[in-house]
Amino acid sequence: MKFTLKHLLMGIAWLVVSMNVSASIEVVTPIGVSCDSGDGTCFAILRESLARSNCTHKKQLRLNPDSKGSKGQYSALLTAFMGGKRIRVKTEACIQDHPTPDWLYITD
């Protein structure tokens, strides 16, 4: 196999993408979970800030009520809160200046 400039550029692009993806993944502890009865937005108050988020408010996750996965995410957040567990979460977007999860799961 011949090593070309194309291979080098593809390798660099892969490294940049993988660093950006992992940069927004954090482990946090939910200390409160609820929903707003007005607009239906559910949220989790966090012990730790989501330091890597670009959103203004970093100590709360807001779930998009229009997202297909928001009910499952709310269930996982409530389970983690009730069980004293932490969650691993990937965030990129903001809702109402709060991070919103792309995905999350319960960990340790």
PDB file of N, CA and C in Angstrom:
ATOM      1  N   MET A   1       0.843  -1.176   0.000  1.00  0.00           N
ATOM      2  CA  MET A   1       0.000   0.000   0.000  1.00  0.00           C
ATOM      3  C   MET A   1       0.886   1.237   0.000  1.00  0.00           C
ATOM      4  N   LYS A   2       0.586   2.138  -0.857  1.00  0.00           N
ATOM      5  CA  LYS A   2       1.361   3.362  -0.998  1.00  0.00           C
ATOM      6  C   LYS A   2       0.772   4.443  -0.096  1.00  0.00           C
ATOM      7  N   PHE A   3       1.609   5.033   0.743  1.00  0.00           N
ATOM      8  CA  PHE A   3       1.194   6.122   1.629  1.00  0.00           C
ATOM      9  C   PHE A   3       1.197   7.419   0.837  1.00  0.00           C
ATOM     10  N   THR A   4       0.060   8.100   0.824  1.00  0.00           N
ATOM     11  CA  THR A   4      -0.050   9.331   0.036  1.00  0.00           C
ATOM     12  C   THR A   4      -0.457  10.499   0.926  1.00  0.00           C
ATOM     13  N   LEU A   5      -0.432  11.676   0.347  1.00  0.00           N
ATOM     14  CA  LEU A   5      -0.880  12.871   1.042  1.00  0.00           C
ATOM     15  C   LEU A   5      -2.351  12.737   1.427  1.00  0.00           C
ATOM     16  N   LYS A   6      -3.128  12.075   0.584  1.00  0.00           N
ATOM     17  CA  LYS A   6      -4.545  11.837   0.882  1.00  0.00           C
ATOM     18  C   LYS A   6      -4.705  11.055   2.182  1.00  0.00           C
ATOM     19  N   HIS A   7      -3.887  10.030   2.382  1.00  0.00           N
ATOM     20  CA  HIS A   7      -3.936   9.242   3.613  1.00  0.00           C
ATOM     21  C   HIS A   7      -3.580  10.098   4.826  1.00  0.00           C
ATOM     22  N   LEU A   8      -2.568  10.928   4.688  1.00  0.00           N
ATOM     23  CA  LEU A   8      -2.158  11.809   5.778  1.00  0.00           C
ATOM     24  C   LEU A   8      -3.278  12.780   6.149  1.00  0.00           C
ATOM     25  N   LEU A   9      -3.881  13.406   5.143  1.00  0.00           N
ATOM     26  CA  LEU A   9      -4.964  14.358   5.405  1.00  0.00           C
ATOM     27  C   LEU A   9      -6.177  13.674   6.022  1.00  0.00           C
ATOM     28  N   MET A  10      -6.493  12.478   5.573  1.00  0.00           N
ATOM     29  CA  MET A  10      -7.615  11.737   6.157  1.00  0.00           C
ATOM     30  C   MET A  10      -7.331  11.400   7.621  1.00  0.00           C
ATOM     31  N   GLY A  11      -6.095  11.029   7.920  1.00  0.00           N
ATOM     32  CA  GLY A  11      -5.716  10.727   9.297  1.00  0.00           C
ATOM     33  C   GLY A  11      -5.812  11.952  10.198  1.00  0.00           C
ATOM     34  N   ILE A  12      -5.364  13.078   9.712  1.00  0.00           N
ATOM     35  CA  ILE A  12      -5.452  14.319  10.490  1.00  0.00           C
ATOM     36  C   ILE A  12      -6.910  14.698  10.705  1.00  0.00           C
ATOM     37  N   ALA A  13      -7.726  14.588   9.660  1.00  0.00           N
ATOM     38  CA  ALA A  13      -9.156  14.905   9.793  1.00  0.00           C
ATOM     39  C   ALA A  13      -9.816  14.005  10.823  1.00  0.00           C
ATOM     40  N   TRP A  14      -9.482  12.709  10.815  1.00  0.00           N
ATOM     41  CA  TRP A  14     -10.049  11.778  11.790  1.00  0.00           C
ATOM     42  C   TRP A  14      -9.661  12.181  13.216  1.00  0.00           C
ATOM     43  N   LEU A  15      -8.417  12.565  13.425  1.00  0.00           N
ATOM     44  CA  LEU A  15      -7.974  12.990  14.754  1.00  0.00           C
ATOM     45  C   LEU A  15      -8.714  14.232  15.221  1.00  0.00           C
ATOM     46  N   VAL A  16      -8.885  15.199  14.336  1.00  0.00           N
ATOM     47  CA  VAL A  16      -9.590  16.430  14.700  1.00  0.00           C
ATOM     48  C   VAL A  16     -11.036  16.129  15.061  1.00  0.00           C
ATOM     49  N   VAL A  17     -11.711  15.322  14.262  1.00  0.00           N
ATOM     50  CA  VAL A  17     -13.104  14.970  14.542  1.00  0.00           C
ATOM     51  C   VAL A  17     -13.215  14.214  15.852  1.00  0.00           C
ATOM     52  N   SER A  18     -12.340  13.247  16.092  1.00  0.00           N
ATOM     53  CA  SER A  18     -12.421  12.462  17.325  1.00  0.00           C
ATOM     54  C   SER A  18     -12.130  13.327  18.547  1.00  0.00           C
ATOM     55  N   MET A  19     -11.248  14.305  18.437  1.00  0.00           N
ATOM     56  CA  MET A  19     -10.988  15.189  19.574  1.00  0.00           C
ATOM     57  C   MET A  19     -12.190  16.078  19.850  1.00  0.00           C
ATOM     58  N   ASN A  20     -12.847  16.575  18.817  1.00  0.00           N
ATOM     59  CA  ASN A  20     -14.026  17.416  19.011  1.00  0.00           C
ATOM     60  C   ASN A  20     -15.175  16.643  19.624  1.00  0.00           C
ATOM     61  N   VAL A  21     -15.372  15.396  19.222  1.00  0.00           N
ATOM     62  CA  VAL A  21     -16.453  14.588  19.784  1.00  0.00           C
ATOM     63  C   VAL A  21     -16.193  14.315  21.253  1.00  0.00           C
ATOM     64  N   SER A  22     -14.992  13.906  21.604  1.00  0.00           N
ATOM     65  CA  SER A  22     -14.716  13.583  22.998  1.00  0.00           C
ATOM     66  C   SER A  22     -14.671  14.830  23.876  1.00  0.00           C
ATOM     67  N   ALA A  23     -14.445  15.983  23.288  1.00  0.00           N
ATOM     68  CA  ALA A  23     -14.354  17.210  24.075  1.00  0.00           C
ATOM     69  C   ALA A  23     -15.681  17.586  24.714  1.00  0.00           C
ATOM     70  N   SER A  24     -16.813  17.146  24.144  1.00  0.00           N
ATOM     71  CA  SER A  24     -18.105  17.525  24.694  1.00  0.00           C
ATOM     72  C   SER A  24     -18.737  16.416  25.538  1.00  0.00           C
ATOM     73  N   ILE A  25     -17.989  15.369  25.850  1.00  0.00           N
ATOM     74  CA  ILE A  25     -18.494  14.277  26.682  1.00  0.00           C
ATOM     75  C   ILE A  25     -17.991  14.483  28.105  1.00  0.00           C
ATOM     76  N   GLU A  26     -18.937  14.505  29.056  1.00  0.00           N
ATOM     77  CA  GLU A  26     -18.573  14.730  30.452  1.00  0.00           C
ATOM     78  C   GLU A  26     -19.377  13.812  31.356  1.00  0.00           C
ATOM     79  N   VAL A  27     -18.886  13.625  32.570  1.00  0.00           N
ATOM     80  CA  VAL A  27     -19.590  12.844  33.592  1.00  0.00           C
ATOM     81  C   VAL A  27     -20.038  13.812  34.682  1.00  0.00           C
ATOM     82  N   VAL A  28     -21.348  13.794  34.973  1.00  0.00           N
ATOM     83  CA  VAL A  28     -21.926  14.722  35.944  1.00  0.00           C
ATOM     84  C   VAL A  28     -22.944  13.991  36.824  1.00  0.00           C
ATOM     85  N   THR A  29     -23.306  14.637  37.932  1.00  0.00           N
ATOM     86  CA  THR A  29     -24.252  14.064  38.900  1.00  0.00           C
ATOM     87  C   THR A  29     -25.534  14.888  38.938  1.00  0.00           C
ATOM     88  N   PRO A  30     -26.681  14.274  38.586  1.00  0.00           N
ATOM     89  CA  PRO A  30     -27.936  15.009  38.729  1.00  0.00           C
ATOM     90  C   PRO A  30     -28.344  15.095  40.203  1.00  0.00           C
ATOM     91  N   ILE A  31     -28.694  16.309  40.658  1.00  0.00           N
ATOM     92  CA  ILE A  31     -29.123  16.487  42.055  1.00  0.00           C
ATOM     93  C   ILE A  31     -30.577  16.944  42.136  1.00  0.00           C
ATOM     94  N   GLY A  32     -31.223  17.031  41.002  1.00  0.00           N
ATOM     95  CA  GLY A  32     -32.641  17.377  40.941  1.00  0.00           C
ATOM     96  C   GLY A  32     -33.131  17.174  39.523  1.00  0.00           C
ATOM     97  N   VAL A  33     -34.371  16.706  39.384  1.00  0.00           N
ATOM     98  CA  VAL A  33     -34.953  16.452  38.068  1.00  0.00           C
ATOM     99  C   VAL A  33     -36.399  16.918  38.107  1.00  0.00           C
ATOM    100  N   SER A  34     -36.827  17.654  37.070  1.00  0.00           N
ATOM    101  CA  SER A  34     -38.204  18.131  37.031  1.00  0.00           C
ATOM    102  C   SER A  34     -38.571  18.542  35.610  1.00  0.00           C
ATOM    103  N   CYS A  35     -39.808  19.009  35.442  1.00  0.00           N
ATOM    104  CA  CYS A  35     -40.295  19.513  34.155  1.00  0.00           C
ATOM    105  C   CYS A  35     -41.059  20.798  34.380  1.00  0.00           C
ATOM    106  N   ASP A  36     -41.000  21.686  33.403  1.00  0.00           N
ATOM    107  CA  ASP A  36     -41.757  22.935  33.422  1.00  0.00           C
ATOM    108  C   ASP A  36     -43.158  22.635  32.906  1.00  0.00           C
ATOM    109  N   SER A  37     -44.169  22.946  33.699  1.00  0.00           N
ATOM    110  CA  SER A  37     -45.542  22.637  33.286  1.00  0.00           C
ATOM    111  C   SER A  37     -46.035  23.563  32.172  1.00  0.00           C
ATOM    112  N   GLY A  38     -45.370  24.689  31.974  1.00  0.00           N
ATOM    113  CA  GLY A  38     -45.796  25.628  30.942  1.00  0.00           C
ATOM    114  C   GLY A  38     -45.427  25.184  29.541  1.00  0.00           C
ATOM    115  N   ASP A  39     -44.131  24.945  29.314  1.00  0.00           N
ATOM    116  CA  ASP A  39     -43.698  24.595  27.956  1.00  0.00           C
ATOM    117  C   ASP A  39     -43.298  23.130  27.802  1.00  0.00           C
ATOM    118  N   GLY A  40     -43.317  22.370  28.895  1.00  0.00           N
ATOM    119  CA  GLY A  40     -43.012  20.945  28.814  1.00  0.00           C
ATOM    120  C   GLY A  40     -41.539  20.606  28.807  1.00  0.00           C
ATOM    121  N   THR A  41     -40.677  21.589  28.988  1.00  0.00           N
ATOM    122  CA  THR A  41     -39.237  21.330  28.999  1.00  0.00           C
ATOM    123  C   THR A  41     -38.838  20.662  30.311  1.00  0.00           C
ATOM    124  N   CYS A  42     -38.244  19.473  30.201  1.00  0.00           N
ATOM    125  CA  CYS A  42     -37.733  18.794  31.393  1.00  0.00           C
ATOM    126  C   CYS A  42     -36.257  19.132  31.555  1.00  0.00           C
ATOM    127  N   PHE A  43     -35.775  19.049  32.791  1.00  0.00           N
ATOM    128  CA  PHE A  43     -34.397  19.445  33.061  1.00  0.00           C
ATOM    129  C   PHE A  43     -33.839  18.666  34.241  1.00  0.00           C
ATOM    130  N   ALA A  44     -32.526  18.680  34.332  1.00  0.00           N
ATOM    131  CA  ALA A  44     -31.815  18.108  35.474  1.00  0.00           C
ATOM    132  C   ALA A  44     -30.850  19.153  36.000  1.00  0.00           C
ATOM    133  N   ILE A  45     -30.904  19.386  37.297  1.00  0.00           N
ATOM    134  CA  ILE A  45     -29.935  20.264  37.952  1.00  0.00           C
ATOM    135  C   ILE A  45     -28.715  19.403  38.265  1.00  0.00           C
ATOM    136  N   LEU A  46     -27.530  19.928  37.999  1.00  0.00           N
ATOM    137  CA  LEU A  46     -26.297  19.152  38.114  1.00  0.00           C
ATOM    138  C   LEU A  46     -25.418  19.656  39.250  1.00  0.00           C
ATOM    139  N   ARG A  47     -24.752  18.722  39.911  1.00  0.00           N
ATOM    140  CA  ARG A  47     -23.791  19.099  40.956  1.00  0.00           C
ATOM    141  C   ARG A  47     -22.590  19.794  40.321  1.00  0.00           C
ATOM    142  N   GLU A  48     -22.082  19.229  39.235  1.00  0.00           N
ATOM    143  CA  GLU A  48     -20.913  19.782  38.555  1.00  0.00           C
ATOM    144  C   GLU A  48     -21.362  20.586  37.334  1.00  0.00           C
ATOM    145  N   SER A  49     -20.566  21.549  36.966  1.00  0.00           N
ATOM    146  CA  SER A  49     -20.828  22.296  35.731  1.00  0.00           C
ATOM    147  C   SER A  49     -20.395  21.467  34.530  1.00  0.00           C
ATOM    148  N   LEU A  50     -21.073  21.662  33.422  1.00  0.00           N
ATOM    149  CA  LEU A  50     -20.634  21.082  32.153  1.00  0.00           C
ATOM    150  C   LEU A  50     -19.610  22.047  31.564  1.00  0.00           C
ATOM    151  N   ALA A  51     -18.378  21.909  32.013  1.00  0.00           N
ATOM    152  CA  ALA A  51     -17.319  22.879  31.730  1.00  0.00           C
ATOM    153  C   ALA A  51     -17.029  23.023  30.244  1.00  0.00           C
ATOM    154  N   ARG A  52     -17.240  21.977  29.473  1.00  0.00           N
ATOM    155  CA  ARG A  52     -16.901  22.028  28.049  1.00  0.00           C
ATOM    156  C   ARG A  52     -18.029  22.565  27.181  1.00  0.00           C
ATOM    157  N   SER A  53     -19.165  22.857  27.777  1.00  0.00           N
ATOM    158  CA  SER A  53     -20.309  23.369  27.022  1.00  0.00           C
ATOM    159  C   SER A  53     -20.090  24.827  26.633  1.00  0.00           C
ATOM    160  N   ASN A  54     -20.628  25.208  25.498  1.00  0.00           N
ATOM    161  CA  ASN A  54     -20.576  26.602  25.053  1.00  0.00           C
ATOM    162  C   ASN A  54     -21.803  27.387  25.499  1.00  0.00           C
ATOM    163  N   CYS A  55     -22.712  26.740  26.223  1.00  0.00           N
ATOM    164  CA  CYS A  55     -23.938  27.397  26.672  1.00  0.00           C
ATOM    165  C   CYS A  55     -23.633  28.310  27.870  1.00  0.00           C
ATOM    166  N   THR A  56     -24.484  29.287  28.086  1.00  0.00           N
ATOM    167  CA  THR A  56     -24.296  30.248  29.174  1.00  0.00           C
ATOM    168  C   THR A  56     -24.441  29.588  30.539  1.00  0.00           C
ATOM    169  N   HIS A  57     -25.485  28.797  30.727  1.00  0.00           N
ATOM    170  CA  HIS A  57     -25.773  28.149  32.015  1.00  0.00           C
ATOM    171  C   HIS A  57     -25.323  26.697  31.947  1.00  0.00           C
ATOM    172  N   LYS A  58     -24.355  26.319  32.772  1.00  0.00           N
ATOM    173  CA  LYS A  58     -23.696  25.019  32.644  1.00  0.00           C
ATOM    174  C   LYS A  58     -24.059  24.010  33.735  1.00  0.00           C
ATOM    175  N   LYS A  59     -24.898  24.397  34.701  1.00  0.00           N
ATOM    176  CA  LYS A  59     -25.218  23.486  35.804  1.00  0.00           C
ATOM    177  C   LYS A  59     -26.626  22.893  35.681  1.00  0.00           C
ATOM    178  N   GLN A  60     -27.136  22.866  34.449  1.00  0.00           N
ATOM    179  CA  GLN A  60     -28.450  22.289  34.224  1.00  0.00           C
ATOM    180  C   GLN A  60     -28.500  21.741  32.797  1.00  0.00           C
ATOM    181  N   LEU A  61     -29.059  20.552  32.649  1.00  0.00           N
ATOM    182  CA  LEU A  61     -29.346  19.993  31.329  1.00  0.00           C
ATOM    183  C   LEU A  61     -30.805  20.258  31.017  1.00  0.00           C
ATOM    184  N   ARG A  62     -31.094  20.720  29.823  1.00  0.00           N
ATOM    185  CA  ARG A  62     -32.486  20.914  29.398  1.00  0.00           C
ATOM    186  C   ARG A  62     -32.768  19.950  28.256  1.00  0.00           C
ATOM    187  N   LEU A  63     -33.900  19.272  28.340  1.00  0.00           N
ATOM    188  CA  LEU A  63     -34.277  18.306  27.320  1.00  0.00           C
ATOM    189  C   LEU A  63     -35.239  18.965  26.332  1.00  0.00           C
ATOM    190  N   ASN A  64     -35.028  18.703  25.071  1.00  0.00           N
ATOM    191  CA  ASN A  64     -35.883  19.248  24.022  1.00  0.00           C
ATOM    192  C   ASN A  64     -37.196  18.458  24.010  1.00  0.00           C
ATOM    193  N   PRO A  65     -38.334  19.078  24.346  1.00  0.00           N
ATOM    194  CA  PRO A  65     -39.593  18.341  24.407  1.00  0.00           C
ATOM    195  C   PRO A  65     -40.038  17.807  23.044  1.00  0.00           C
ATOM    196  N   ASP A  66     -39.477  18.330  21.952  1.00  0.00           N
ATOM    197  CA  ASP A  66     -39.836  17.869  20.609  1.00  0.00           C
ATOM    198  C   ASP A  66     -38.948  16.724  20.120  1.00  0.00           C
ATOM    199  N   SER A  67     -37.919  16.374  20.880  1.00  0.00           N
ATOM    200  CA  SER A  67     -36.992  15.317  20.484  1.00  0.00           C
ATOM    201  C   SER A  67     -37.585  13.945  20.806  1.00  0.00           C
ATOM    202  N   LYS A  68     -37.408  12.993  19.900  1.00  0.00           N
ATOM    203  CA  LYS A  68     -37.926  11.639  20.109  1.00  0.00           C
ATOM    204  C   LYS A  68     -37.321  10.982  21.341  1.00  0.00           C
ATOM    205  N   GLY A  69     -36.068  11.279  21.647  1.00  0.00           N
ATOM    206  CA  GLY A  69     -35.388  10.620  22.752  1.00  0.00           C
ATOM    207  C   GLY A  69     -35.553  11.277  24.108  1.00  0.00           C
ATOM    208  N   SER A  70     -36.277  12.396  24.172  1.00  0.00           N
ATOM    209  CA  SER A  70     -36.320  13.147  25.431  1.00  0.00           C
ATOM    210  C   SER A  70     -37.007  12.378  26.564  1.00  0.00           C
ATOM    211  N   LYS A  71     -38.015  11.572  26.266  1.00  0.00           N
ATOM    212  CA  LYS A  71     -38.677  10.793  27.323  1.00  0.00           C
ATOM    213  C   LYS A  71     -37.731   9.753  27.907  1.00  0.00           C
ATOM    214  N   GLY A  72     -36.981   9.100  27.054  1.00  0.00           N
ATOM    215  CA  GLY A  72     -35.991   8.130  27.532  1.00  0.00           C
ATOM    216  C   GLY A  72     -34.869   8.797  28.305  1.00  0.00           C
ATOM    217  N   GLN A  73     -34.439   9.972  27.842  1.00  0.00           N
ATOM    218  CA  GLN A  73     -33.392  10.709  28.551  1.00  0.00           C
ATOM    219  C   GLN A  73     -33.891  11.160  29.914  1.00  0.00           C
ATOM    220  N   TYR A  74     -35.139  11.625  29.976  1.00  0.00           N
ATOM    221  CA  TYR A  74     -35.710  12.032  31.262  1.00  0.00           C
ATOM    222  C   TYR A  74     -35.767  10.842  32.213  1.00  0.00           C
ATOM    223  N   SER A  75     -36.182   9.701  31.711  1.00  0.00           N
ATOM    224  CA  SER A  75     -36.257   8.488  32.527  1.00  0.00           C
ATOM    225  C   SER A  75     -34.879   8.115  33.075  1.00  0.00           C
ATOM    226  N   ALA A  76     -33.859   8.186  32.227  1.00  0.00           N
ATOM    227  CA  ALA A  76     -32.493   7.864  32.671  1.00  0.00           C
ATOM    228  C   ALA A  76     -32.001   8.876  33.705  1.00  0.00           C
ATOM    229  N   LEU A  77     -32.294  10.158  33.494  1.00  0.00           N
ATOM    230  CA  LEU A  77     -31.890  11.185  34.461  1.00  0.00           C
ATOM    231  C   LEU A  77     -32.572  10.969  35.814  1.00  0.00           C
ATOM    232  N   LEU A  78     -33.865  10.663  35.789  1.00  0.00           N
ATOM    233  CA  LEU A  78     -34.598  10.422  37.026  1.00  0.00           C
ATOM    234  C   LEU A  78     -34.074   9.179  37.741  1.00  0.00           C
ATOM    235  N   THR A  79     -33.783   8.133  36.990  1.00  0.00           N
ATOM    236  CA  THR A  79     -33.219   6.910  37.565  1.00  0.00           C
ATOM    237  C   THR A  79     -31.868   7.185  38.205  1.00  0.00           C
ATOM    238  N   ALA A  80     -31.006   7.935  37.516  1.00  0.00           N
ATOM    239  CA  ALA A  80     -29.689   8.272  38.061  1.00  0.00           C
ATOM    240  C   ALA A  80     -29.826   9.110  39.326  1.00  0.00           C
ATOM    241  N   PHE A  81     -30.726  10.083  39.295  1.00  0.00           N
ATOM    242  CA  PHE A  81     -30.957  10.938  40.461  1.00  0.00           C
ATOM    243  C   PHE A  81     -31.442  10.107  41.653  1.00  0.00           C
ATOM    244  N   MET A  82     -32.438   9.271  41.438  1.00  0.00           N
ATOM    245  CA  MET A  82     -33.003   8.458  42.525  1.00  0.00           C
ATOM    246  C   MET A  82     -32.000   7.435  43.055  1.00  0.00           C
ATOM    247  N   GLY A  83     -31.125   6.943  42.188  1.00  0.00           N
ATOM    248  CA  GLY A  83     -30.149   5.938  42.588  1.00  0.00           C
ATOM    249  C   GLY A  83     -28.813   6.497  43.023  1.00  0.00           C
ATOM    250  N   GLY A  84     -28.669   7.825  43.006  1.00  0.00           N
ATOM    251  CA  GLY A  84     -27.389   8.427  43.395  1.00  0.00           C
ATOM    252  C   GLY A  84     -26.262   8.110  42.427  1.00  0.00           C
ATOM    253  N   LYS A  85     -26.593   7.920  41.161  1.00  0.00           N
ATOM    254  CA  LYS A  85     -25.596   7.587  40.136  1.00  0.00           C
ATOM    255  C   LYS A  85     -25.252   8.813  39.305  1.00  0.00           C
ATOM    256  N   ARG A  86     -24.153   8.714  38.597  1.00  0.00           N
ATOM    257  CA  ARG A  86     -23.735   9.779  37.696  1.00  0.00           C
ATOM    258  C   ARG A  86     -24.124   9.412  36.275  1.00  0.00           C
ATOM    259  N   ILE A  87     -24.088  10.396  35.404  1.00  0.00           N
ATOM    260  CA  ILE A  87     -24.374  10.159  33.991  1.00  0.00           C
ATOM    261  C   ILE A  87     -23.202  10.618  33.139  1.00  0.00           C
ATOM    262  N   ARG A  88     -23.016   9.927  32.041  1.00  0.00           N
ATOM    263  CA  ARG A  88     -22.068  10.368  31.015  1.00  0.00           C
ATOM    264  C   ARG A  88     -22.929  10.977  29.924  1.00  0.00           C
ATOM    265  N   VAL A  89     -22.612  12.203  29.527  1.00  0.00           N
ATOM    266  CA  VAL A  89     -23.467  12.937  28.601  1.00  0.00           C
ATOM    267  C   VAL A  89     -22.633  13.636  27.534  1.00  0.00           C
ATOM    268  N   LYS A  90     -23.162  13.630  26.314  1.00  0.00           N
ATOM    269  CA  LYS A  90     -22.545  14.374  25.218  1.00  0.00           C
ATOM    270  C   LYS A  90     -23.478  15.529  24.879  1.00  0.00           C
ATOM    271  N   THR A  91     -22.945  16.737  24.927  1.00  0.00           N
ATOM    272  CA  THR A  91     -23.728  17.930  24.605  1.00  0.00           C
ATOM    273  C   THR A  91     -23.033  18.720  23.505  1.00  0.00           C
ATOM    274  N   GLU A  92     -23.829  19.350  22.674  1.00  0.00           N
ATOM    275  CA  GLU A  92     -23.302  20.277  21.675  1.00  0.00           C
ATOM    276  C   GLU A  92     -24.200  21.490  21.540  1.00  0.00           C
ATOM    277  N   ALA A  93     -25.507  21.275  21.549  1.00  0.00           N
ATOM    278  CA  ALA A  93     -26.456  22.371  21.341  1.00  0.00           C
ATOM    279  C   ALA A  93     -26.935  22.934  22.680  1.00  0.00           C
ATOM    280  N   CYS A  94     -27.620  24.064  22.600  1.00  0.00           N
ATOM    281  CA  CYS A  94     -28.197  24.716  23.778  1.00  0.00           C
ATOM    282  C   CYS A  94     -29.702  24.894  23.569  1.00  0.00           C
ATOM    283  N   ILE A  95     -30.453  24.774  24.645  1.00  0.00           N
ATOM    284  CA  ILE A  95     -31.875  25.128  24.677  1.00  0.00           C
ATOM    285  C   ILE A  95     -32.030  26.117  25.821  1.00  0.00           C
ATOM    286  N   GLN A  96     -32.571  27.289  25.540  1.00  0.00           N
ATOM    287  CA  GLN A  96     -32.765  28.331  26.543  1.00  0.00           C
ATOM    288  C   GLN A  96     -31.448  28.630  27.273  1.00  0.00           C
ATOM    289  N   ASP A  97     -30.355  28.649  26.514  1.00  0.00           N
ATOM    290  CA  ASP A  97     -28.996  28.908  27.024  1.00  0.00           C
ATOM    291  C   ASP A  97     -28.486  27.859  27.999  1.00  0.00           C
ATOM    292  N   HIS A  98     -29.078  26.660  27.992  1.00  0.00           N
ATOM    293  CA  HIS A  98     -28.633  25.522  28.798  1.00  0.00           C
ATOM    294  C   HIS A  98     -28.225  24.393  27.851  1.00  0.00           C
ATOM    295  N   PRO A  99     -27.233  23.587  28.227  1.00  0.00           N
ATOM    296  CA  PRO A  99     -26.854  22.450  27.382  1.00  0.00           C
ATOM    297  C   PRO A  99     -28.011  21.464  27.244  1.00  0.00           C
ATOM    298  N   THR A 100     -28.117  20.860  26.081  1.00  0.00           N
ATOM    299  CA  THR A 100     -29.089  19.798  25.843  1.00  0.00           C
ATOM    300  C   THR A 100     -28.329  18.557  25.384  1.00  0.00           C
ATOM    301  N   PRO A 101     -28.697  17.382  25.880  1.00  0.00           N
ATOM    302  CA  PRO A 101     -27.911  16.185  25.560  1.00  0.00           C
ATOM    303  C   PRO A 101     -28.175  15.659  24.154  1.00  0.00           C
ATOM    304  N   ASP A 102     -27.085  15.288  23.476  1.00  0.00           N
ATOM    305  CA  ASP A 102     -27.212  14.505  22.243  1.00  0.00           C
ATOM    306  C   ASP A 102     -27.540  13.065  22.649  1.00  0.00           C
ATOM    307  N   TRP A 103     -26.837  12.590  23.671  1.00  0.00           N
ATOM    308  CA  TRP A 103     -27.104  11.291  24.272  1.00  0.00           C
ATOM    309  C   TRP A 103     -26.596  11.313  25.704  1.00  0.00           C
ATOM    310  N   LEU A 104     -27.094  10.377  26.494  1.00  0.00           N
ATOM    311  CA  LEU A 104     -26.613  10.218  27.863  1.00  0.00           C
ATOM    312  C   LEU A 104     -26.885   8.799  28.333  1.00  0.00           C
ATOM    313  N   TYR A 105     -26.111   8.370  29.321  1.00  0.00           N
ATOM    314  CA  TYR A 105     -26.376   7.082  29.952  1.00  0.00           C
ATOM    315  C   TYR A 105     -25.864   7.112  31.377  1.00  0.00           C
ATOM    316  N   ILE A 106     -26.424   6.215  32.190  1.00  0.00           N
ATOM    317  CA  ILE A 106     -26.042   6.116  33.603  1.00  0.00           C
ATOM    318  C   ILE A 106     -24.710   5.397  33.707  1.00  0.00           C
ATOM    319  N   THR A 107     -23.845   5.933  34.541  1.00  0.00           N
ATOM    320  CA  THR A 107     -22.540   5.311  34.778  1.00  0.00           C
ATOM    321  C   THR A 107     -22.302   5.258  36.283  1.00  0.00           C
ATOM    322  N   ASP A 108     -21.254   4.601  36.697  1.00  0.00           N
ATOM    323  CA  ASP A 108     -20.911   4.348  38.099  1.00  0.00           C
ATOM    324  C   ASP A 108     -21.962   4.874  39.023  1.00  0.00           C
TER     325      ASP A 108
END
